PDB file of N, CA and C in Angstrom:
ATOM      1  N   MET A   1       0.766  -1.228   0.485  1.00  0.00           N
ATOM      2  CA  MET A   1      -0.502   0.392  -0.107  1.00  0.00           C
ATOM      3  C   MET A   1       1.278   1.084  -0.117  1.00  0.00           C
ATOM      4  N   PRO A   2       0.852   1.953  -0.860  1.00  0.00           N
ATOM      5  CA  PRO A   2       1.123   3.273  -1.677  1.00  0.00           C
ATOM      6  C   PRO A   2       1.697   3.918   0.412  1.00  0.00           C
ATOM      7  N   ASP A   3       2.750   5.091   0.996  1.00  0.00           N
ATOM      8  CA  ASP A   3       2.124   5.273   1.949  1.00  0.00           C
ATOM      9  C   ASP A   3       2.601   7.516   1.564  1.00  0.00           C
ATOM     10  N   PHE A   4       0.729   7.140   2.447  1.00  0.00           N
ATOM     11  CA  PHE A   4       0.234   8.791   2.227  1.00  0.00           C
ATOM     12  C   PHE A   4       0.737   9.544   3.097  1.00  0.00           C
ATOM     13  N   ARG A   5       1.936   8.985   4.324  1.00  0.00           N
ATOM     14  CA  ARG A   5       2.274  10.433   5.206  1.00  0.00           C
ATOM     15  C   ARG A   5       2.606  11.732   4.792  1.00  0.00           C
ATOM     16  N   ARG A   6       2.582  12.646   5.605  1.00  0.00           N
ATOM     17  CA  ARG A   6       2.674  13.668   4.769  1.00  0.00           C
ATOM     18  C   ARG A   6       4.524  13.832   5.075  1.00  0.00           C
ATOM     19  N   GLU A   7       5.521  13.119   4.694  1.00  0.00           N
ATOM     20  CA  GLU A   7       7.098  14.229   4.904  1.00  0.00           C
ATOM     21  C   GLU A   7       7.500  13.662   3.090  1.00  0.00           C
ATOM     22  N   GLY A   8       8.445  14.507   3.517  1.00  0.00           N
ATOM     23  CA  GLY A   8       8.697  15.244   1.666  1.00  0.00           C
ATOM     24  C   GLY A   8       7.090  16.169   0.836  1.00  0.00           C
ATOM     25  N   PRO A   9       8.100  16.650   0.090  1.00  0.00           N
ATOM     26  CA  PRO A   9       6.827  17.758  -0.773  1.00  0.00           C
ATOM     27  C   PRO A   9       5.752  16.538  -0.923  1.00  0.00           C
ATOM     28  N   VAL A  10       3.996  17.855  -0.900  1.00  0.00           N
ATOM     29  CA  VAL A  10       3.265  17.240  -0.465  1.00  0.00           C
ATOM     30  C   VAL A  10       2.450  17.423  -1.941  1.00  0.00           C
ATOM     31  N   ARG A  11       2.051  16.043  -2.075  1.00  0.00           N
ATOM     32  CA  ARG A  11       1.527  15.679  -3.156  1.00  0.00           C
ATOM     33  C   ARG A  11      -0.022  15.697  -3.581  1.00  0.00           C
ATOM     34  N   THR A  12      -0.448  16.155  -4.627  1.00  0.00           N
ATOM     35  CA  THR A  12      -1.744  16.912  -4.547  1.00  0.00           C
ATOM     36  C   THR A  12      -1.960  15.707  -5.723  1.00  0.00           C
ATOM     37  N   ALA A  13      -3.401  15.452  -5.905  1.00  0.00           N
ATOM     38  CA  ALA A  13      -4.414  14.122  -6.700  1.00  0.00           C
ATOM     39  C   ALA A  13      -3.817  14.706  -7.783  1.00  0.00           C
ATOM     40  N   GLU A  14      -4.260  16.100  -8.742  1.00  0.00           N
ATOM     41  CA  GLU A  14      -3.600  16.031  -9.896  1.00  0.00           C
ATOM     42  C   GLU A  14      -2.014  16.373 -10.293  1.00  0.00           C
ATOM     43  N   PRO A  15      -2.065  16.565 -10.938  1.00  0.00           N
ATOM     44  CA  PRO A  15       0.211  17.922 -11.149  1.00  0.00           C
ATOM     45  C   PRO A  15      -0.267  18.956 -11.349  1.00  0.00           C
ATOM     46  N   HIS A  16       0.319  20.018 -10.613  1.00  0.00           N
ATOM     47  CA  HIS A  16       0.196  21.084 -10.581  1.00  0.00           C
ATOM     48  C   HIS A  16       1.707  22.118 -10.213  1.00  0.00           C
ATOM     49  N   ASP A  17       2.086  23.070 -11.083  1.00  0.00           N
ATOM     50  CA  ASP A  17       3.221  23.534 -11.189  1.00  0.00           C
ATOM     51  C   ASP A  17       3.074  24.333  -9.869  1.00  0.00           C
ATOM     52  N   GLY A  18       2.993  24.304  -8.860  1.00  0.00           N
ATOM     53  CA  GLY A  18       2.886  24.564  -7.396  1.00  0.00           C
ATOM     54  C   GLY A  18       3.205  27.002  -7.869  1.00  0.00           C
ATOM     55  N   TRP A  19       3.317  27.025  -7.265  1.00  0.00           N
ATOM     56  CA  TRP A  19       3.323  29.226  -7.145  1.00  0.00           C
ATOM     57  C   TRP A  19       3.933  29.374  -5.728  1.00  0.00           C
ATOM     58  N   PRO A  20       4.757  30.941  -5.938  1.00  0.00           N
ATOM     59  CA  PRO A  20       5.343  31.137  -4.987  1.00  0.00           C
ATOM     60  C   PRO A  20       4.926  31.522  -3.814  1.00  0.00           C
ATOM     61  N   GLY A  21       5.379  32.167  -2.608  1.00  0.00           N
ATOM     62  CA  GLY A  21       5.344  32.005  -1.848  1.00  0.00           C
ATOM     63  C   GLY A  21       5.025  34.178  -2.027  1.00  0.00           C
ATOM     64  N   LYS A  22       3.771  34.703  -1.177  1.00  0.00           N
ATOM     65  CA  LYS A  22       4.955  36.191  -0.875  1.00  0.00           C
ATOM     66  C   LYS A  22       5.606  36.567   0.594  1.00  0.00           C
ATOM     67  N   GLU A  23       6.490  37.617   0.192  1.00  0.00           N
ATOM     68  CA  GLU A  23       7.278  38.859   0.998  1.00  0.00           C
ATOM     69  C   GLU A  23       6.427  39.588   1.738  1.00  0.00           C
ATOM     70  N   HIS A  24       6.738  39.142   3.508  1.00  0.00           N
ATOM     71  CA  HIS A  24       5.702  40.083   3.756  1.00  0.00           C
ATOM     72  C   HIS A  24       7.068  41.676   3.590  1.00  0.00           C
ATOM     73  N   PRO A  25       6.631  42.752   3.562  1.00  0.00           N
ATOM     74  CA  PRO A  25       7.162  43.965   3.436  1.00  0.00           C
ATOM     75  C   PRO A  25       8.155  44.136   4.395  1.00  0.00           C
ATOM     76  N   HIS A  26       8.115  44.070   5.356  1.00  0.00           N
ATOM     77  CA  HIS A  26       8.284  44.505   6.437  1.00  0.00           C
ATOM     78  C   HIS A  26       9.607  44.130   7.773  1.00  0.00           C
ATOM     79  N   THR A  27       8.964  42.589   7.343  1.00  0.00           N
ATOM     80  CA  THR A  27       9.648  41.039   7.863  1.00  0.00           C
ATOM     81  C   THR A  27      10.421  40.969   6.719  1.00  0.00           C
ATOM     82  N   SER A  28      10.287  40.697   5.092  1.00  0.00           N
ATOM     83  CA  SER A  28      10.902  39.531   4.188  1.00  0.00           C
ATOM     84  C   SER A  28      10.616  38.695   3.909  1.00  0.00           C
ATOM     85  N   GLU A  29       9.890  37.924   5.343  1.00  0.00           N
ATOM     86  CA  GLU A  29       9.765  37.225   5.825  1.00  0.00           C
ATOM     87  C   GLU A  29       8.443  36.676   4.647  1.00  0.00           C
ATOM     88  N   VAL A  30       8.795  35.179   3.900  1.00  0.00           N
ATOM     89  CA  VAL A  30       7.709  34.407   2.578  1.00  0.00           C
ATOM     90  C   VAL A  30       7.348  33.855   3.272  1.00  0.00           C
ATOM     91  N   THR A  31       5.771  33.425   3.362  1.00  0.00           N
ATOM     92  CA  THR A  31       5.221  32.686   3.352  1.00  0.00           C
ATOM     93  C   THR A  31       3.818  32.566   2.392  1.00  0.00           C
ATOM     94  N   GLY A  32       3.322  31.299   2.975  1.00  0.00           N
ATOM     95  CA  GLY A  32       2.475  30.880   1.696  1.00  0.00           C
ATOM     96  C   GLY A  32       3.153  30.377   0.041  1.00  0.00           C
ATOM     97  N   GLY A  33       2.578  30.017  -0.839  1.00  0.00           N
ATOM     98  CA  GLY A  33       2.846  29.717  -1.676  1.00  0.00           C
ATOM     99  C   GLY A  33       3.377  27.668  -1.795  1.00  0.00           C
ATOM    100  N   ARG A  34       3.618  27.711  -2.971  1.00  0.00           N
ATOM    101  CA  ARG A  34       3.660  25.565  -2.986  1.00  0.00           C
ATOM    102  C   ARG A  34       4.379  25.291  -3.593  1.00  0.00           C
ATOM    103  N   PRO A  35       4.686  24.267  -3.457  1.00  0.00           N
ATOM    104  CA  PRO A  35       6.522  23.954  -4.047  1.00  0.00           C
ATOM    105  C   PRO A  35       5.346  23.024  -5.468  1.00  0.00           C
ATOM    106  N   PRO A  36       6.124  22.620  -7.035  1.00  0.00           N
ATOM    107  CA  PRO A  36       5.171  21.578  -7.577  1.00  0.00           C
ATOM    108  C   PRO A  36       4.945  20.780  -7.315  1.00  0.00           C
ATOM    109  N   SER A  37       4.097  19.482  -7.632  1.00  0.00           N
ATOM    110  CA  SER A  37       3.339  18.170  -7.248  1.00  0.00           C
ATOM    111  C   SER A  37       3.775  17.722  -8.599  1.00  0.00           C
ATOM    112  N   PRO A  38       3.931  15.962  -8.541  1.00  0.00           N
ATOM    113  CA  PRO A  38       4.261  15.132 -10.039  1.00  0.00           C
ATOM    114  C   PRO A  38       3.063  14.742  -9.792  1.00  0.00           C
ATOM    115  N   GLY A  39       1.733  14.558  -8.897  1.00  0.00           N
ATOM    116  CA  GLY A  39       0.172  14.444  -9.268  1.00  0.00           C
ATOM    117  C   GLY A  39       0.212  13.142  -7.544  1.00  0.00           C
ATOM    118  N   TRP A  40      -0.323  12.331  -7.342  1.00  0.00           N
ATOM    119  CA  TRP A  40      -0.520  11.266  -7.388  1.00  0.00           C
ATOM    120  C   TRP A  40      -0.212   9.973  -8.408  1.00  0.00           C
ATOM    121  N   THR A  41      -0.461   8.716  -7.864  1.00  0.00           N
ATOM    122  CA  THR A  41       0.518   7.577  -8.419  1.00  0.00           C
ATOM    123  C   THR A  41      -0.228   7.006  -8.624  1.00  0.00           C
ATOM    124  N   ASP A  42      -0.287   5.778  -9.910  1.00  0.00           N
ATOM    125  CA  ASP A  42      -1.399   5.493 -10.230  1.00  0.00           C
ATOM    126  C   ASP A  42      -1.491   3.638  -9.263  1.00  0.00           C
ATOM    127  N   GLU A  43      -0.275   3.897  -8.718  1.00  0.00           N
ATOM    128  CA  GLU A  43      -1.073   3.681  -7.616  1.00  0.00           C
ATOM    129  C   GLU A  43      -1.622   3.670  -6.348  1.00  0.00           C
ATOM    130  N   GLN A  44      -0.892   5.165  -6.330  1.00  0.00           N
ATOM    131  CA  GLN A  44      -1.948   5.615  -5.127  1.00  0.00           C
ATOM    132  C   GLN A  44      -2.869   6.620  -5.382  1.00  0.00           C
ATOM    133  N   LYS A  45      -3.461   6.520  -6.606  1.00  0.00           N
ATOM    134  CA  LYS A  45      -4.688   6.869  -6.860  1.00  0.00           C
ATOM    135  C   LYS A  45      -5.776   5.386  -7.170  1.00  0.00           C
ATOM    136  N   ALA A  46      -5.376   4.102  -6.895  1.00  0.00           N
ATOM    137  CA  ALA A  46      -5.802   2.809  -6.926  1.00  0.00           C
ATOM    138  C   ALA A  46      -5.797   2.540  -5.249  1.00  0.00           C
ATOM    139  N   ALA A  47      -4.890   2.976  -4.650  1.00  0.00           N
ATOM    140  CA  ALA A  47      -5.447   2.970  -3.155  1.00  0.00           C
ATOM    141  C   ALA A  47      -6.517   3.408  -2.948  1.00  0.00           C
ATOM    142  N   ILE A  48      -6.647   4.793  -3.045  1.00  0.00           N
ATOM    143  CA  ILE A  48      -7.173   5.801  -2.728  1.00  0.00           C
ATOM    144  C   ILE A  48      -8.714   5.425  -3.332  1.00  0.00           C
ATOM    145  N   ASP A  49      -9.022   4.813  -4.372  1.00  0.00           N
ATOM    146  CA  ASP A  49     -10.293   4.674  -5.038  1.00  0.00           C
ATOM    147  C   ASP A  49     -10.734   3.183  -4.087  1.00  0.00           C
ATOM    148  N   ARG A  50      -9.741   2.462  -3.895  1.00  0.00           N
ATOM    149  CA  ARG A  50     -10.708   1.165  -3.045  1.00  0.00           C
ATOM    150  C   ARG A  50     -10.744   1.498  -1.383  1.00  0.00           C
ATOM    151  N   LEU A  51     -10.212   2.274  -1.652  1.00  0.00           N
ATOM    152  CA  LEU A  51      -9.888   2.665   0.392  1.00  0.00           C
ATOM    153  C   LEU A  51     -11.348   3.028   1.135  1.00  0.00           C
ATOM    154  N   ARG A  52     -11.955   3.866  -0.751  1.00  0.00           N
ATOM    155  CA  ARG A  52     -13.119   4.852  -0.781  1.00  0.00           C
ATOM    156  C   ARG A  52     -13.893   4.200  -0.339  1.00  0.00           C
ATOM    157  N   GLN A  53     -14.308   3.438  -1.500  1.00  0.00           N
ATOM    158  CA  GLN A  53     -15.397   2.130  -1.378  1.00  0.00           C
ATOM    159  C   GLN A  53     -15.443   1.175  -0.251  1.00  0.00           C
ATOM    160  N   GLU A  54     -14.119   0.819  -0.210  1.00  0.00           N
ATOM    161  CA  GLU A  54     -14.466   0.089   1.078  1.00  0.00           C
ATOM    162  C   GLU A  54     -14.689   1.004   1.637  1.00  0.00           C
ATOM    163  N   CYS A  55     -14.306   2.456   2.513  1.00  0.00           N
ATOM    164  CA  CYS A  55     -15.331   3.457   3.681  1.00  0.00           C
ATOM    165  C   CYS A  55     -17.389   2.456   3.074  1.00  0.00           C
ATOM    166  N   LEU A  56     -17.238   3.084   2.360  1.00  0.00           N
ATOM    167  CA  LEU A  56     -18.917   3.029   1.353  1.00  0.00           C
ATOM    168  C   LEU A  56     -19.441   2.118   1.686  1.00  0.00           C
ATOM    169  N   THR A  57     -18.709   0.756   1.792  1.00  0.00           N
ATOM    170  CA  THR A  57     -19.533  -0.399   1.394  1.00  0.00           C
ATOM    171  C   THR A  57     -19.220  -0.880   3.391  1.00  0.00           C
ATOM    172  N   LEU A  58     -18.640  -0.491   3.980  1.00  0.00           N
ATOM    173  CA  LEU A  58     -18.829  -0.670   5.350  1.00  0.00           C
ATOM    174  C   LEU A  58     -19.748   0.636   6.373  1.00  0.00           C
ATOM    175  N   SER A  59     -20.035   1.368   5.325  1.00  0.00           N
ATOM    176  CA  SER A  59     -20.903   2.489   6.206  1.00  0.00           C
ATOM    177  C   SER A  59     -22.294   1.506   5.933  1.00  0.00           C
ATOM    178  N   GLU A  60     -22.334   1.701   4.747  1.00  0.00           N
ATOM    179  CA  GLU A  60     -23.680   0.602   4.524  1.00  0.00           C
ATOM    180  C   GLU A  60     -24.030  -0.376   5.396  1.00  0.00           C
ATOM    181  N   THR A  61     -23.234  -0.881   5.551  1.00  0.00           N
ATOM    182  CA  THR A  61     -23.436  -2.192   6.363  1.00  0.00           C
ATOM    183  C   THR A  61     -23.918  -1.996   7.864  1.00  0.00           C
ATOM    184  N   ILE A  62     -23.205  -1.409   8.596  1.00  0.00           N
ATOM    185  CA  ILE A  62     -23.675  -0.395   9.590  1.00  0.00           C
ATOM    186  C   ILE A  62     -24.515   0.353   9.581  1.00  0.00           C
ATOM    187  N   SER A  63     -25.717   0.937   8.367  1.00  0.00           N
ATOM    188  CA  SER A  63     -26.031   1.878   9.062  1.00  0.00           C
ATOM    189  C   SER A  63     -27.536   1.386   8.330  1.00  0.00           C
ATOM    190  N   THR A  64     -27.213  -0.074   7.690  1.00  0.00           N
ATOM    191  CA  THR A  64     -28.799  -0.872   7.268  1.00  0.00           C
ATOM    192  C   THR A  64     -28.208  -2.577   8.099  1.00  0.00           C
ATOM    193  N   HIS A  65     -27.819  -2.562   9.343  1.00  0.00           N
ATOM    194  CA  HIS A  65     -28.287  -3.723   9.839  1.00  0.00           C
ATOM    195  C   HIS A  65     -28.771  -3.466  10.837  1.00  0.00           C
ATOM    196  N   PRO A  66     -29.579  -4.849  11.020  1.00  0.00           N
ATOM    197  CA  PRO A  66     -31.300  -4.409  11.215  1.00  0.00           C
ATOM    198  C   PRO A  66     -31.232  -4.652  13.235  1.00  0.00           C
ATOM    199  N   TYR A  67     -29.430  -4.344  13.547  1.00  0.00           N
ATOM    200  CA  TYR A  67     -29.718  -4.343  14.728  1.00  0.00           C
ATOM    201  C   TYR A  67     -29.932  -2.791  14.772  1.00  0.00           C
ATOM    202  N   TRP A  68     -30.701  -2.022  14.434  1.00  0.00           N
ATOM    203  CA  TRP A  68     -30.745  -0.398  14.570  1.00  0.00           C
ATOM    204  C   TRP A  68     -32.579  -0.809  13.885  1.00  0.00           C
ATOM    205  N   LYS A  69     -32.874  -0.920  13.982  1.00  0.00           N
ATOM    206  CA  LYS A  69     -34.027  -1.508  13.716  1.00  0.00           C
ATOM    207  C   LYS A  69     -35.343  -1.666  15.250  1.00  0.00           C
ATOM    208  N   GLU A  70     -34.134  -2.462  16.623  1.00  0.00           N
ATOM    209  CA  GLU A  70     -34.855  -2.824  17.869  1.00  0.00           C
ATOM    210  C   GLU A  70     -34.404  -1.937  18.625  1.00  0.00           C
ATOM    211  N   LEU A  71     -34.540  -0.944  17.820  1.00  0.00           N
ATOM    212  CA  LEU A  71     -33.929   1.061  18.733  1.00  0.00           C
ATOM    213  C   LEU A  71     -34.761   1.270  17.970  1.00  0.00           C
ATOM    214  N   SER A  72     -35.501   2.819  19.120  1.00  0.00           N
ATOM    215  CA  SER A  72     -35.770   4.160  18.859  1.00  0.00           C
ATOM    216  C   SER A  72     -35.539   5.207  19.889  1.00  0.00           C
ATOM    217  N   GLY A  73     -35.969   6.056  18.943  1.00  0.00           N
ATOM    218  CA  GLY A  73     -35.975   7.155  20.227  1.00  0.00           C
ATOM    219  C   GLY A  73     -34.780   7.411  20.509  1.00  0.00           C
ATOM    220  N   PRO A  74     -34.824   8.319  21.564  1.00  0.00           N
ATOM    221  CA  PRO A  74     -33.795   8.390  22.855  1.00  0.00           C
ATOM    222  C   PRO A  74     -32.390   6.769  22.275  1.00  0.00           C
ATOM    223  N   ASP A  75     -33.017   5.607  23.036  1.00  0.00           N
ATOM    224  CA  ASP A  75     -31.985   4.694  22.646  1.00  0.00           C
ATOM    225  C   ASP A  75     -31.198   4.768  21.539  1.00  0.00           C
ATOM    226  N   LEU A  76     -32.136   5.718  20.205  1.00  0.00           N
ATOM    227  CA  LEU A  76     -31.347   4.778  18.520  1.00  0.00           C
ATOM    228  C   LEU A  76     -30.373   6.211  19.104  1.00  0.00           C
ATOM    229  N   VAL A  77     -30.472   7.134  19.860  1.00  0.00           N
ATOM    230  CA  VAL A  77     -29.329   8.273  19.499  1.00  0.00           C
ATOM    231  C   VAL A  77     -28.150   7.492  20.086  1.00  0.00           C
ATOM    232  N   ASP A  78     -29.184   7.782  21.510  1.00  0.00           N
ATOM    233  CA  ASP A  78     -27.392   6.769  22.318  1.00  0.00           C
ATOM    234  C   ASP A  78     -27.001   5.713  21.345  1.00  0.00           C
ATOM    235  N   ALA A  79     -27.208   5.082  21.754  1.00  0.00           N
ATOM    236  CA  ALA A  79     -26.875   4.546  20.066  1.00  0.00           C
ATOM    237  C   ALA A  79     -25.572   4.461  19.680  1.00  0.00           C
ATOM    238  N   ARG A  80     -26.181   5.344  18.700  1.00  0.00           N
ATOM    239  CA  ARG A  80     -25.882   6.313  17.468  1.00  0.00           C
ATOM    240  C   ARG A  80     -24.299   6.527  17.924  1.00  0.00           C
ATOM    241  N   THR A  81     -24.746   7.631  19.175  1.00  0.00           N
ATOM    242  CA  THR A  81     -23.673   8.052  19.144  1.00  0.00           C
ATOM    243  C   THR A  81     -22.437   7.780  20.308  1.00  0.00           C
ATOM    244  N   ALA A  82     -23.284   6.407  20.911  1.00  0.00           N
ATOM    245  CA  ALA A  82     -22.038   5.834  21.598  1.00  0.00           C
ATOM    246  C   ALA A  82     -20.852   4.785  20.860  1.00  0.00           C
ATOM    247  N   LEU A  83     -21.631   4.048  19.087  1.00  0.00           N
ATOM    248  CA  LEU A  83     -20.554   4.171  18.330  1.00  0.00           C
ATOM    249  C   LEU A  83     -19.952   5.274  17.449  1.00  0.00           C
ATOM    250  N   LYS A  84     -20.292   6.236  17.249  1.00  0.00           N
ATOM    251  CA  LYS A  84     -19.046   7.297  16.802  1.00  0.00           C
ATOM    252  C   LYS A  84     -18.498   7.599  17.966  1.00  0.00           C
ATOM    253  N   HIS A  85     -18.499   7.423  19.226  1.00  0.00           N
ATOM    254  CA  HIS A  85     -17.345   7.788  19.899  1.00  0.00           C
ATOM    255  C   HIS A  85     -16.230   6.622  20.422  1.00  0.00           C
ATOM    256  N   ALA A  86     -16.813   5.360  20.031  1.00  0.00           N
ATOM    257  CA  ALA A  86     -16.823   3.976  20.332  1.00  0.00           C
ATOM    258  C   ALA A  86     -14.831   3.643  20.109  1.00  0.00           C
ATOM    259  N   HIS A  87     -14.301   5.264  19.628  1.00  0.00           N
ATOM    260  CA  HIS A  87     -12.737   4.612  19.324  1.00  0.00           C
ATOM    261  C   HIS A  87     -11.601   5.575  20.440  1.00  0.00           C
ATOM    262  N   GLU A  88     -12.816   6.344  21.154  1.00  0.00           N
ATOM    263  CA  GLU A  88     -12.099   6.953  21.391  1.00  0.00           C
ATOM    264  C   GLU A  88     -11.553   5.882  23.192  1.00  0.00           C
ATOM    265  N   SER A  89     -12.701   5.371  23.468  1.00  0.00           N
ATOM    266  CA  SER A  89     -12.193   4.634  23.839  1.00  0.00           C
ATOM    267  C   SER A  89     -10.688   3.281  24.951  1.00  0.00           C
ATOM    268  N   ASP A  90     -10.622   3.180  23.053  1.00  0.00           N
ATOM    269  CA  ASP A  90      -9.113   2.683  23.005  1.00  0.00           C
ATOM    270  C   ASP A  90      -8.190   2.847  22.117  1.00  0.00           C
ATOM    271  N   GLU A  91      -8.566   5.134  22.679  1.00  0.00           N
ATOM    272  CA  GLU A  91      -6.707   5.513  22.829  1.00  0.00           C
ATOM    273  C   GLU A  91      -6.742   5.496  23.763  1.00  0.00           C
ATOM    274  N   ALA A  92      -8.118   5.706  24.988  1.00  0.00           N
ATOM    275  CA  ALA A  92      -7.297   6.179  26.108  1.00  0.00           C
ATOM    276  C   ALA A  92      -6.425   5.381  26.785  1.00  0.00           C
TER     277      ALA A  92
END
């Protein structure tokens, strides 16, 4: 799987030429601007497409699961909220 961590130059999905930063008139500090990007590789594009499809499939599986029909009103809201925050207990 491609490494998408932010190390080295930022890669955009599509290639672009980048643009220069702007020099501050009093400090001469240059801010903004972006280096050129060669765009994503075919391998990166395929991985993103696969991951997005997997995310959609999993979202559909969770949201249409028969479990949700067993709940209503505040119980349904509480159960969905608990699911939304389930990862927080793993981080502690």
